[in-house]
PDB file of N, CA and C in Angstrom:
ATOM      1  N   UNK A   1       0.789  -1.036   0.006  1.00  0.00           N
ATOM      2  CA  UNK A   1      -0.202  -0.077  -0.070  1.00  0.00           C
ATOM      3  C   UNK A   1       0.744   1.381  -0.027  1.00  0.00           C
ATOM      4  N   UNK A   2       0.705   2.254  -0.914  1.00  0.00           N
ATOM      5  CA  UNK A   2       1.180   3.491  -1.036  1.00  0.00           C
ATOM      6  C   UNK A   2       0.597   4.359   0.019  1.00  0.00           C
ATOM      7  N   UNK A   3       1.741   5.042   0.525  1.00  0.00           N
ATOM      8  CA  UNK A   3       1.333   6.299   1.429  1.00  0.00           C
ATOM      9  C   UNK A   3       1.014   7.709   0.971  1.00  0.00           C
ATOM     10  N   UNK A   4       0.041   8.168   1.081  1.00  0.00           N
ATOM     11  CA  UNK A   4      -0.362   9.447   0.050  1.00  0.00           C
ATOM     12  C   UNK A   4       0.284  10.559   1.254  1.00  0.00           C
ATOM     13  N   UNK A   5       1.076  11.530   0.243  1.00  0.00           N
ATOM     14  CA  UNK A   5       1.519  12.796   1.003  1.00  0.00           C
ATOM     15  C   UNK A   5       0.700  14.039   0.603  1.00  0.00           C
ATOM     16  N   UNK A   6      -0.172  14.596   1.692  1.00  0.00           N
ATOM     17  CA  UNK A   6      -0.875  15.671   1.210  1.00  0.00           C
ATOM     18  C   UNK A   6      -0.360  17.223   1.983  1.00  0.00           C
ATOM     19  N   UNK A   7      -0.220  18.175   1.131  1.00  0.00           N
ATOM     20  CA  UNK A   7       0.439  19.287   1.602  1.00  0.00           C
ATOM     21  C   UNK A   7      -0.941  20.248   1.854  1.00  0.00           C
ATOM     22  N   UNK A   8      -0.625  21.080   2.740  1.00  0.00           N
ATOM     23  CA  UNK A   8      -2.018  22.288   2.941  1.00  0.00           C
ATOM     24  C   UNK A   8      -2.693  22.262   1.572  1.00  0.00           C
ATOM     25  N   UNK A   9      -2.214  23.091   0.418  1.00  0.00           N
ATOM     26  CA  UNK A   9      -2.555  23.282  -0.799  1.00  0.00           C
ATOM     27  C   UNK A   9      -3.671  22.178  -1.136  1.00  0.00           C
ATOM     28  N   UNK A  10      -2.956  20.839  -1.016  1.00  0.00           N
ATOM     29  CA  UNK A  10      -3.517  19.681  -1.587  1.00  0.00           C
ATOM     30  C   UNK A  10      -4.934  19.335  -0.705  1.00  0.00           C
ATOM     31  N   UNK A  11      -5.147  19.572   0.446  1.00  0.00           N
ATOM     32  CA  UNK A  11      -6.229  19.479   1.235  1.00  0.00           C
ATOM     33  C   UNK A  11      -7.269  20.516   0.876  1.00  0.00           C
ATOM     34  N   UNK A  12      -6.730  21.767   0.870  1.00  0.00           N
ATOM     35  CA  UNK A  12      -7.831  22.915   0.430  1.00  0.00           C
ATOM     36  C   UNK A  12      -8.300  22.701  -0.995  1.00  0.00           C
ATOM     37  N   UNK A  13      -7.780  21.986  -2.008  1.00  0.00           N
ATOM     38  CA  UNK A  13      -8.471  21.762  -3.202  1.00  0.00           C
ATOM     39  C   UNK A  13      -9.467  20.800  -3.122  1.00  0.00           C
ATOM     40  N   UNK A  14      -9.503  19.738  -2.196  1.00  0.00           N
ATOM     41  CA  UNK A  14     -10.492  18.841  -1.868  1.00  0.00           C
ATOM     42  C   UNK A  14     -11.395  18.759  -1.102  1.00  0.00           C
ATOM     43  N   UNK A  15     -11.443  19.816   0.075  1.00  0.00           N
ATOM     44  CA  UNK A  15     -12.114  20.168   1.193  1.00  0.00           C
ATOM     45  C   UNK A  15     -12.437  21.381   1.357  1.00  0.00           C
ATOM     46  N   UNK A  16     -13.765  21.517   1.759  1.00  0.00           N
ATOM     47  CA  UNK A  16     -14.292  23.052   2.053  1.00  0.00           C
ATOM     48  C   UNK A  16     -14.322  23.282   3.693  1.00  0.00           C
ATOM     49  N   UNK A  17     -14.481  24.227   3.993  1.00  0.00           N
ATOM     50  CA  UNK A  17     -14.831  24.494   5.557  1.00  0.00           C
ATOM     51  C   UNK A  17     -15.943  23.802   5.804  1.00  0.00           C
ATOM     52  N   UNK A  18     -16.932  23.901   5.058  1.00  0.00           N
ATOM     53  CA  UNK A  18     -18.184  23.138   5.207  1.00  0.00           C
ATOM     54  C   UNK A  18     -18.169  21.462   5.388  1.00  0.00           C
ATOM     55  N   UNK A  19     -17.107  21.071   4.557  1.00  0.00           N
ATOM     56  CA  UNK A  19     -16.784  19.757   4.642  1.00  0.00           C
ATOM     57  C   UNK A  19     -16.178  19.427   6.122  1.00  0.00           C
ATOM     58  N   UNK A  20     -15.406  20.350   6.300  1.00  0.00           N
ATOM     59  CA  UNK A  20     -14.746  20.262   7.628  1.00  0.00           C
ATOM     60  C   UNK A  20     -15.829  20.411   8.811  1.00  0.00           C
ATOM     61  N   UNK A  21     -16.662  21.008   8.820  1.00  0.00           N
ATOM     62  CA  UNK A  21     -17.755  21.448  10.148  1.00  0.00           C
ATOM     63  C   UNK A  21     -18.554  20.309   9.941  1.00  0.00           C
ATOM     64  N   UNK A  22     -19.013  19.481   8.743  1.00  0.00           N
ATOM     65  CA  UNK A  22     -19.494  18.164   8.774  1.00  0.00           C
ATOM     66  C   UNK A  22     -18.767  17.179   9.459  1.00  0.00           C
ATOM     67  N   UNK A  23     -17.437  17.066   9.237  1.00  0.00           N
ATOM     68  CA  UNK A  23     -16.957  15.899   9.702  1.00  0.00           C
ATOM     69  C   UNK A  23     -16.710  16.237  11.393  1.00  0.00           C
ATOM     70  N   UNK A  24     -16.399  17.216  11.694  1.00  0.00           N
ATOM     71  CA  UNK A  24     -16.260  17.482  13.226  1.00  0.00           C
ATOM     72  C   UNK A  24     -17.720  17.251  13.673  1.00  0.00           C
ATOM     73  N   UNK A  25     -18.675  17.638  13.190  1.00  0.00           N
ATOM     74  CA  UNK A  25     -20.015  17.421  13.853  1.00  0.00           C
ATOM     75  C   UNK A  25     -20.185  15.891  13.909  1.00  0.00           C
ATOM     76  N   UNK A  26     -20.004  15.064  12.836  1.00  0.00           N
ATOM     77  CA  UNK A  26     -20.411  13.950  12.910  1.00  0.00           C
ATOM     78  C   UNK A  26     -19.397  12.895  13.993  1.00  0.00           C
ATOM     79  N   UNK A  27     -18.199  13.411  14.109  1.00  0.00           N
ATOM     80  CA  UNK A  27     -17.235  13.093  14.904  1.00  0.00           C
ATOM     81  C   UNK A  27     -17.465  13.172  16.411  1.00  0.00           C
ATOM     82  N   UNK A  28     -18.030  14.502  16.731  1.00  0.00           N
ATOM     83  CA  UNK A  28     -18.597  14.564  18.191  1.00  0.00           C
ATOM     84  C   UNK A  28     -19.884  13.674  18.455  1.00  0.00           C
ATOM     85  N   UNK A  29     -20.600  13.522  17.499  1.00  0.00           N
ATOM     86  CA  UNK A  29     -21.771  12.704  17.790  1.00  0.00           C
ATOM     87  C   UNK A  29     -21.272  11.356  17.804  1.00  0.00           C
ATOM     88  N   UNK A  30     -20.308  10.693  17.077  1.00  0.00           N
ATOM     89  CA  UNK A  30     -19.560   9.420  17.449  1.00  0.00           C
ATOM     90  C   UNK A  30     -19.126   9.461  18.737  1.00  0.00           C
ATOM     91  N   UNK A  31     -18.241  10.718  19.365  1.00  0.00           N
ATOM     92  CA  UNK A  31     -17.983  10.517  20.467  1.00  0.00           C
ATOM     93  C   UNK A  31     -18.925  10.444  21.616  1.00  0.00           C
ATOM     94  N   UNK A  32     -20.075  10.991  21.439  1.00  0.00           N
ATOM     95  CA  UNK A  32     -20.834  10.829  22.564  1.00  0.00           C
ATOM     96  C   UNK A  32     -21.630   9.472  22.392  1.00  0.00           C
ATOM     97  N   UNK A  33     -21.356   8.754  21.422  1.00  0.00           N
ATOM     98  CA  UNK A  33     -21.792   7.402  20.976  1.00  0.00           C
ATOM     99  C   UNK A  33     -21.044   6.277  21.775  1.00  0.00           C
ATOM    100  N   UNK A  34     -19.639   6.729  22.136  1.00  0.00           N
ATOM    101  CA  UNK A  34     -18.641   5.847  22.427  1.00  0.00           C
ATOM    102  C   UNK A  34     -18.197   5.383  21.241  1.00  0.00           C
ATOM    103  N   UNK A  35     -17.982   5.858  19.895  1.00  0.00           N
ATOM    104  CA  UNK A  35     -17.625   5.150  18.786  1.00  0.00           C
ATOM    105  C   UNK A  35     -16.331   6.056  18.230  1.00  0.00           C
ATOM    106  N   UNK A  36     -15.708   6.624  19.192  1.00  0.00           N
ATOM    107  CA  UNK A  36     -14.419   7.387  18.629  1.00  0.00           C
ATOM    108  C   UNK A  36     -13.664   7.207  20.061  1.00  0.00           C
ATOM    109  N   UNK A  37     -12.383   7.010  19.828  1.00  0.00           N
ATOM    110  CA  UNK A  37     -11.413   6.750  20.712  1.00  0.00           C
ATOM    111  C   UNK A  37     -10.469   8.022  20.612  1.00  0.00           C
ATOM    112  N   UNK A  38     -10.676   8.748  21.962  1.00  0.00           N
ATOM    113  CA  UNK A  38      -9.741   9.972  22.060  1.00  0.00           C
ATOM    114  C   UNK A  38      -8.917  10.370  23.365  1.00  0.00           C
ATOM    115  N   UNK A  39      -7.808   9.494  23.308  1.00  0.00           N
ATOM    116  CA  UNK A  39      -7.349   9.678  24.631  1.00  0.00           C
ATOM    117  C   UNK A  39      -6.759  11.095  24.854  1.00  0.00           C
ATOM    118  N   UNK A  40      -6.608  11.405  26.181  1.00  0.00           N
ATOM    119  CA  UNK A  40      -5.767  12.869  26.298  1.00  0.00           C
ATOM    120  C   UNK A  40      -4.628  12.988  25.507  1.00  0.00           C
ATOM    121  N   UNK A  41      -4.376  14.016  25.375  1.00  0.00           N
ATOM    122  CA  UNK A  41      -3.112  14.484  24.349  1.00  0.00           C
ATOM    123  C   UNK A  41      -1.875  14.229  25.322  1.00  0.00           C
ATOM    124  N   UNK A  42      -0.882  14.034  24.721  1.00  0.00           N
ATOM    125  CA  UNK A  42       0.495  13.969  25.373  1.00  0.00           C
ATOM    126  C   UNK A  42       1.056  15.122  25.222  1.00  0.00           C
ATOM    127  N   UNK A  43       1.748  15.962  26.239  1.00  0.00           N
ATOM    128  CA  UNK A  43       2.329  17.205  25.736  1.00  0.00           C
ATOM    129  C   UNK A  43       3.915  16.902  26.376  1.00  0.00           C
ATOM    130  N   UNK A  44       4.805  17.758  25.088  1.00  0.00           N
ATOM    131  CA  UNK A  44       6.198  17.679  25.465  1.00  0.00           C
ATOM    132  C   UNK A  44       6.675  19.212  25.501  1.00  0.00           C
ATOM    133  N   UNK A  45       7.155  19.407  26.695  1.00  0.00           N
ATOM    134  CA  UNK A  45       7.333  20.846  26.784  1.00  0.00           C
ATOM    135  C   UNK A  45       8.877  21.315  26.656  1.00  0.00           C
ATOM    136  N   UNK A  46       9.089  21.872  25.414  1.00  0.00           N
ATOM    137  CA  UNK A  46      10.580  22.154  25.109  1.00  0.00           C
ATOM    138  C   UNK A  46      10.774  23.563  25.239  1.00  0.00           C
ATOM    139  N   UNK A  47      10.588  23.753  26.545  1.00  0.00           N
ATOM    140  CA  UNK A  47      10.985  25.212  27.315  1.00  0.00           C
ATOM    141  C   UNK A  47       9.761  26.276  27.103  1.00  0.00           C
ATOM    142  N   UNK A  48       8.376  25.786  26.566  1.00  0.00           N
ATOM    143  CA  UNK A  48       7.641  26.640  26.715  1.00  0.00           C
ATOM    144  C   UNK A  48       7.266  27.165  28.092  1.00  0.00           C
ATOM    145  N   UNK A  49       7.351  26.367  29.389  1.00  0.00           N
ATOM    146  CA  UNK A  49       6.955  26.863  30.692  1.00  0.00           C
ATOM    147  C   UNK A  49       8.261  26.216  31.379  1.00  0.00           C
ATOM    148  N   UNK A  50       9.017  25.385  30.850  1.00  0.00           N
ATOM    149  CA  UNK A  50      10.140  24.829  31.565  1.00  0.00           C
ATOM    150  C   UNK A  50      11.496  25.689  31.479  1.00  0.00           C
ATOM    151  N   UNK A  51      12.659  25.384  32.128  1.00  0.00           N
ATOM    152  CA  UNK A  51      13.907  26.389  31.997  1.00  0.00           C
ATOM    153  C   UNK A  51      14.807  25.447  30.919  1.00  0.00           C
ATOM    154  N   UNK A  52      14.349  24.244  30.764  1.00  0.00           N
ATOM    155  CA  UNK A  52      15.355  23.327  29.931  1.00  0.00           C
ATOM    156  C   UNK A  52      14.268  22.157  29.151  1.00  0.00           C
ATOM    157  N   UNK A  53      14.488  22.002  28.053  1.00  0.00           N
ATOM    158  CA  UNK A  53      15.264  22.479  27.033  1.00  0.00           C
ATOM    159  C   UNK A  53      14.973  23.973  26.711  1.00  0.00           C
ATOM    160  N   UNK A  54      15.695  24.674  26.114  1.00  0.00           N
ATOM    161  CA  UNK A  54      15.395  26.268  26.009  1.00  0.00           C
ATOM    162  C   UNK A  54      14.883  26.476  24.703  1.00  0.00           C
ATOM    163  N   UNK A  55      14.075  25.821  24.458  1.00  0.00           N
ATOM    164  CA  UNK A  55      13.662  26.271  22.976  1.00  0.00           C
ATOM    165  C   UNK A  55      12.261  27.110  22.775  1.00  0.00           C
ATOM    166  N   UNK A  56      11.651  27.491  23.716  1.00  0.00           N
ATOM    167  CA  UNK A  56      10.507  28.198  23.916  1.00  0.00           C
ATOM    168  C   UNK A  56       9.360  27.539  23.039  1.00  0.00           C
ATOM    169  N   UNK A  57       9.083  26.368  23.449  1.00  0.00           N
ATOM    170  CA  UNK A  57       8.172  25.575  22.462  1.00  0.00           C
ATOM    171  C   UNK A  57       7.500  24.475  23.254  1.00  0.00           C
ATOM    172  N   UNK A  58       6.477  23.880  22.708  1.00  0.00           N
ATOM    173  CA  UNK A  58       6.140  22.687  23.012  1.00  0.00           C
ATOM    174  C   UNK A  58       5.518  21.825  21.865  1.00  0.00           C
ATOM    175  N   UNK A  59       5.275  20.451  22.187  1.00  0.00           N
ATOM    176  CA  UNK A  59       4.724  19.576  21.110  1.00  0.00           C
ATOM    177  C   UNK A  59       3.646  18.718  21.707  1.00  0.00           C
ATOM    178  N   UNK A  60       2.678  18.446  21.122  1.00  0.00           N
ATOM    179  CA  UNK A  60       1.403  17.760  21.537  1.00  0.00           C
ATOM    180  C   UNK A  60       1.188  16.571  20.705  1.00  0.00           C
ATOM    181  N   UNK A  61       1.058  15.217  21.170  1.00  0.00           N
ATOM    182  CA  UNK A  61       0.831  14.147  20.631  1.00  0.00           C
ATOM    183  C   UNK A  61      -0.772  13.883  20.745  1.00  0.00           C
ATOM    184  N   UNK A  62      -1.708  13.714  19.713  1.00  0.00           N
ATOM    185  CA  UNK A  62      -2.989  13.682  19.763  1.00  0.00           C
ATOM    186  C   UNK A  62      -3.587  12.357  18.860  1.00  0.00           C
ATOM    187  N   UNK A  63      -3.608  11.289  19.532  1.00  0.00           N
ATOM    188  CA  UNK A  63      -4.106  10.013  18.924  1.00  0.00           C
ATOM    189  C   UNK A  63      -5.426   9.959  18.901  1.00  0.00           C
ATOM    190  N   UNK A  64      -6.351   9.275  17.890  1.00  0.00           N
ATOM    191  CA  UNK A  64      -7.722   9.054  17.954  1.00  0.00           C
ATOM    192  C   UNK A  64      -7.886   7.766  16.775  1.00  0.00           C
ATOM    193  N   UNK A  65      -9.315   7.286  17.090  1.00  0.00           N
ATOM    194  CA  UNK A  65      -9.842   6.691  16.184  1.00  0.00           C
ATOM    195  C   UNK A  65     -11.208   6.919  16.037  1.00  0.00           C
ATOM    196  N   UNK A  66     -11.614   7.066  14.789  1.00  0.00           N
ATOM    197  CA  UNK A  66     -12.945   7.722  14.508  1.00  0.00           C
ATOM    198  C   UNK A  66     -13.659   6.470  13.817  1.00  0.00           C
ATOM    199  N   UNK A  67     -14.528   5.866  14.533  1.00  0.00           N
ATOM    200  CA  UNK A  67     -15.596   4.811  14.040  1.00  0.00           C
ATOM    201  C   UNK A  67     -16.163   4.870  12.802  1.00  0.00           C
ATOM    202  N   UNK A  68     -16.799   6.087  12.706  1.00  0.00           N
ATOM    203  CA  UNK A  68     -17.587   6.037  11.269  1.00  0.00           C
ATOM    204  C   UNK A  68     -16.702   6.264  10.232  1.00  0.00           C
ATOM    205  N   UNK A  69     -15.376   6.727  10.386  1.00  0.00           N
ATOM    206  CA  UNK A  69     -14.616   6.712   9.206  1.00  0.00           C
ATOM    207  C   UNK A  69     -13.609   5.514   9.191  1.00  0.00           C
ATOM    208  N   UNK A  70     -14.035   4.686  10.210  1.00  0.00           N
ATOM    209  CA  UNK A  70     -12.836   3.536  10.271  1.00  0.00           C
ATOM    210  C   UNK A  70     -11.451   3.919  10.025  1.00  0.00           C
ATOM    211  N   UNK A  71     -10.996   4.817  10.775  1.00  0.00           N
ATOM    212  CA  UNK A  71      -9.736   5.795  10.527  1.00  0.00           C
ATOM    213  C   UNK A  71      -9.123   5.916  11.819  1.00  0.00           C
ATOM    214  N   UNK A  72      -7.587   5.481  12.066  1.00  0.00           N
ATOM    215  CA  UNK A  72      -7.102   6.042  13.005  1.00  0.00           C
ATOM    216  C   UNK A  72      -5.801   6.803  12.676  1.00  0.00           C
ATOM    217  N   UNK A  73      -5.605   7.528  13.672  1.00  0.00           N
ATOM    218  CA  UNK A  73      -4.258   8.651  13.167  1.00  0.00           C
ATOM    219  C   UNK A  73      -3.866   9.494  14.413  1.00  0.00           C
ATOM    220  N   UNK A  74      -2.816  10.046  14.264  1.00  0.00           N
ATOM    221  CA  UNK A  74      -2.123  10.850  15.110  1.00  0.00           C
ATOM    222  C   UNK A  74      -1.772  12.209  14.736  1.00  0.00           C
ATOM    223  N   UNK A  75      -2.021  13.297  15.693  1.00  0.00           N
ATOM    224  CA  UNK A  75      -1.602  14.718  15.212  1.00  0.00           C
ATOM    225  C   UNK A  75      -0.351  14.903  15.800  1.00  0.00           C
ATOM    226  N   UNK A  76       0.510  15.347  15.377  1.00  0.00           N
ATOM    227  CA  UNK A  76       1.646  15.882  16.290  1.00  0.00           C
ATOM    228  C   UNK A  76       1.979  17.397  15.889  1.00  0.00           C
ATOM    229  N   UNK A  77       1.713  18.372  16.873  1.00  0.00           N
ATOM    230  CA  UNK A  77       1.603  19.618  16.674  1.00  0.00           C
ATOM    231  C   UNK A  77       2.209  20.427  17.793  1.00  0.00           C
ATOM    232  N   UNK A  78       2.580  21.517  17.502  1.00  0.00           N
ATOM    233  CA  UNK A  78       3.096  22.322  18.591  1.00  0.00           C
ATOM    234  C   UNK A  78       3.270  23.840  17.962  1.00  0.00           C
ATOM    235  N   UNK A  79       3.660  24.599  18.901  1.00  0.00           N
ATOM    236  CA  UNK A  79       4.153  26.058  18.821  1.00  0.00           C
ATOM    237  C   UNK A  79       5.624  26.414  19.528  1.00  0.00           C
ATOM    238  N   UNK A  80       6.084  27.236  18.606  1.00  0.00           N
ATOM    239  CA  UNK A  80       7.330  27.841  19.062  1.00  0.00           C
ATOM    240  C   UNK A  80       7.741  29.100  18.845  1.00  0.00           C
ATOM    241  N   UNK A  81       7.805  29.818  20.209  1.00  0.00           N
ATOM    242  CA  UNK A  81       7.604  31.506  20.343  1.00  0.00           C
ATOM    243  C   UNK A  81       8.902  32.178  19.591  1.00  0.00           C
ATOM    244  N   UNK A  82       9.916  31.369  19.292  1.00  0.00           N
ATOM    245  CA  UNK A  82      11.000  32.227  18.642  1.00  0.00           C
ATOM    246  C   UNK A  82      10.987  32.080  16.903  1.00  0.00           C
ATOM    247  N   UNK A  83       9.872  31.049  16.465  1.00  0.00           N
ATOM    248  CA  UNK A  83       9.812  30.795  14.994  1.00  0.00           C
ATOM    249  C   UNK A  83       9.547  32.433  14.305  1.00  0.00           C
ATOM    250  N   UNK A  84       8.790  33.162  14.895  1.00  0.00           N
ATOM    251  CA  UNK A  84       8.687  34.504  14.099  1.00  0.00           C
ATOM    252  C   UNK A  84      10.106  35.251  13.758  1.00  0.00           C
ATOM    253  N   UNK A  85      11.011  34.990  14.518  1.00  0.00           N
ATOM    254  CA  UNK A  85      12.188  35.619  14.452  1.00  0.00           C
ATOM    255  C   UNK A  85      13.170  35.229  13.146  1.00  0.00           C
ATOM    256  N   UNK A  86      12.748  34.162  12.820  1.00  0.00           N
ATOM    257  CA  UNK A  86      13.221  33.582  11.547  1.00  0.00           C
ATOM    258  C   UNK A  86      12.369  33.337  10.470  1.00  0.00           C
ATOM    259  N   UNK A  87      11.119  33.728  10.403  1.00  0.00           N
ATOM    260  CA  UNK A  87      10.245  33.825   9.483  1.00  0.00           C
ATOM    261  C   UNK A  87       9.348  32.391   9.271  1.00  0.00           C
ATOM    262  N   UNK A  88       9.451  31.706  10.326  1.00  0.00           N
ATOM    263  CA  UNK A  88       8.519  30.498  10.429  1.00  0.00           C
ATOM    264  C   UNK A  88       7.077  30.963  11.474  1.00  0.00           C
ATOM    265  N   UNK A  89       6.317  29.906  10.930  1.00  0.00           N
ATOM    266  CA  UNK A  89       5.038  30.017  11.659  1.00  0.00           C
ATOM    267  C   UNK A  89       4.980  29.626  13.000  1.00  0.00           C
ATOM    268  N   UNK A  90       4.363  30.334  13.986  1.00  0.00           N
ATOM    269  CA  UNK A  90       4.334  29.810  15.415  1.00  0.00           C
ATOM    270  C   UNK A  90       4.124  28.494  15.617  1.00  0.00           C
ATOM    271  N   UNK A  91       2.636  28.040  14.876  1.00  0.00           N
ATOM    272  CA  UNK A  91       2.001  26.496  14.803  1.00  0.00           C
ATOM    273  C   UNK A  91       2.735  26.022  13.792  1.00  0.00           C
ATOM    274  N   UNK A  92       3.048  24.643  14.053  1.00  0.00           N
ATOM    275  CA  UNK A  92       3.430  23.420  12.952  1.00  0.00           C
ATOM    276  C   UNK A  92       2.821  22.279  13.520  1.00  0.00           C
ATOM    277  N   UNK A  93       2.426  21.438  12.341  1.00  0.00           N
ATOM    278  CA  UNK A  93       1.772  20.239  12.916  1.00  0.00           C
ATOM    279  C   UNK A  93       1.685  19.162  11.590  1.00  0.00           C
ATOM    280  N   UNK A  94       1.425  18.009  11.911  1.00  0.00           N
ATOM    281  CA  UNK A  94       1.622  17.013  10.746  1.00  0.00           C
ATOM    282  C   UNK A  94       0.443  15.836  11.408  1.00  0.00           C
ATOM    283  N   UNK A  95      -0.262  15.416  10.391  1.00  0.00           N
ATOM    284  CA  UNK A  95      -1.104  14.328  10.568  1.00  0.00           C
ATOM    285  C   UNK A  95      -0.720  12.770  10.058  1.00  0.00           C
ATOM    286  N   UNK A  96      -0.582  11.872  10.691  1.00  0.00           N
ATOM    287  CA  UNK A  96      -0.523  10.497  10.005  1.00  0.00           C
ATOM    288  C   UNK A  96      -1.745   9.888  10.415  1.00  0.00           C
ATOM    289  N   UNK A  97      -2.101   9.274   9.100  1.00  0.00           N
ATOM    290  CA  UNK A  97      -3.482   8.278   9.138  1.00  0.00           C
ATOM    291  C   UNK A  97      -3.042   6.717   8.853  1.00  0.00           C
ATOM    292  N   UNK A  98      -3.724   5.843   9.681  1.00  0.00           N
ATOM    293  CA  UNK A  98      -3.358   4.358   9.225  1.00  0.00           C
ATOM    294  C   UNK A  98      -4.568   3.813   8.948  1.00  0.00           C
ATOM    295  N   UNK A  99      -4.208   2.626   8.451  1.00  0.00           N
ATOM    296  CA  UNK A  99      -5.549   1.723   8.437  1.00  0.00           C
ATOM    297  C   UNK A  99      -5.640   0.855   9.720  1.00  0.00           C
ATOM    298  N   UNK A 100      -6.742   1.008  10.409  1.00  0.00           N
ATOM    299  CA  UNK A 100      -6.924   0.455  11.875  1.00  0.00           C
ATOM    300  C   UNK A 100      -6.877  -1.072  11.784  1.00  0.00           C
ATOM    301  N   UNK A 101      -6.983  -1.503  10.856  1.00  0.00           N
ATOM    302  CA  UNK A 101      -6.875  -3.348  10.901  1.00  0.00           C
ATOM    303  C   UNK A 101      -5.518  -3.727  10.541  1.00  0.00           C
ATOM    304  N   UNK A 102      -4.625  -2.983   9.808  1.00  0.00           N
ATOM    305  CA  UNK A 102      -3.496  -3.347   9.563  1.00  0.00           C
ATOM    306  C   UNK A 102      -2.187  -2.665  10.201  1.00  0.00           C
ATOM    307  N   UNK A 103      -2.516  -1.264  10.453  1.00  0.00           N
ATOM    308  CA  UNK A 103      -1.510  -0.593  10.834  1.00  0.00           C
ATOM    309  C   UNK A 103      -0.625   0.324   9.793  1.00  0.00           C
ATOM    310  N   UNK A 104      -0.908  -0.007   8.797  1.00  0.00           N
ATOM    311  CA  UNK A 104      -0.177   0.299   7.580  1.00  0.00           C
ATOM    312  C   UNK A 104      -0.609   2.096   7.246  1.00  0.00           C
ATOM    313  N   UNK A 105       0.568   2.863   6.785  1.00  0.00           N
ATOM    314  CA  UNK A 105       0.182   4.217   6.778  1.00  0.00           C
ATOM    315  C   UNK A 105      -0.883   4.280   5.644  1.00  0.00           C
ATOM    316  N   UNK A 106      -1.742   5.347   5.780  1.00  0.00           N
ATOM    317  CA  UNK A 106      -2.508   5.789   4.444  1.00  0.00           C
ATOM    318  C   UNK A 106      -2.423   7.056   3.959  1.00  0.00           C
ATOM    319  N   UNK A 107      -1.712   8.024   4.800  1.00  0.00           N
ATOM    320  CA  UNK A 107      -1.566   9.245   4.450  1.00  0.00           C
ATOM    321  C   UNK A 107      -0.560  10.051   5.483  1.00  0.00           C
ATOM    322  N   UNK A 108       0.099  10.657   5.175  1.00  0.00           N
ATOM    323  CA  UNK A 108       0.775  12.031   5.819  1.00  0.00           C
ATOM    324  C   UNK A 108       0.114  13.331   5.384  1.00  0.00           C
ATOM    325  N   UNK A 109      -0.189  14.119   6.178  1.00  0.00           N
ATOM    326  CA  UNK A 109      -0.669  15.385   5.850  1.00  0.00           C
ATOM    327  C   UNK A 109      -0.348  16.592   6.879  1.00  0.00           C
ATOM    328  N   UNK A 110      -0.337  17.782   6.068  1.00  0.00           N
ATOM    329  CA  UNK A 110      -0.010  19.004   6.778  1.00  0.00           C
ATOM    330  C   UNK A 110      -1.250  19.205   7.989  1.00  0.00           C
ATOM    331  N   UNK A 111      -0.798  19.299   9.203  1.00  0.00           N
ATOM    332  CA  UNK A 111      -2.000  19.430  10.320  1.00  0.00           C
ATOM    333  C   UNK A 111      -1.821  20.970  11.018  1.00  0.00           C
ATOM    334  N   UNK A 112      -1.084  21.925  10.309  1.00  0.00           N
ATOM    335  CA  UNK A 112      -1.284  23.027  11.119  1.00  0.00           C
ATOM    336  C   UNK A 112      -2.690  23.892  10.932  1.00  0.00           C
TER     337      UNK A 112
END
């Protein structure tokens, strides 16, 4: 199986904000029905509040399984305060989707 790589422009070509709202709505309904697994995110403090390491940033790992899509994945995203000084956005992120039956990667996409 081939893994699809999707940039932000790729995603914007195939999804509208209306699509996103519908997906979020269905997913919250699934969560209420117990058909979404959404563990607490795991945070990695890279100096946002800690003195060490000194990078003034954080990353969060956010795994989930969405039953109505029969899809699982993880979003790895964070923010770094000093990025603006070097022309980078404060927030960056990536989403990896897998086939929940096999663990094979289906897609890697922009998650910012």
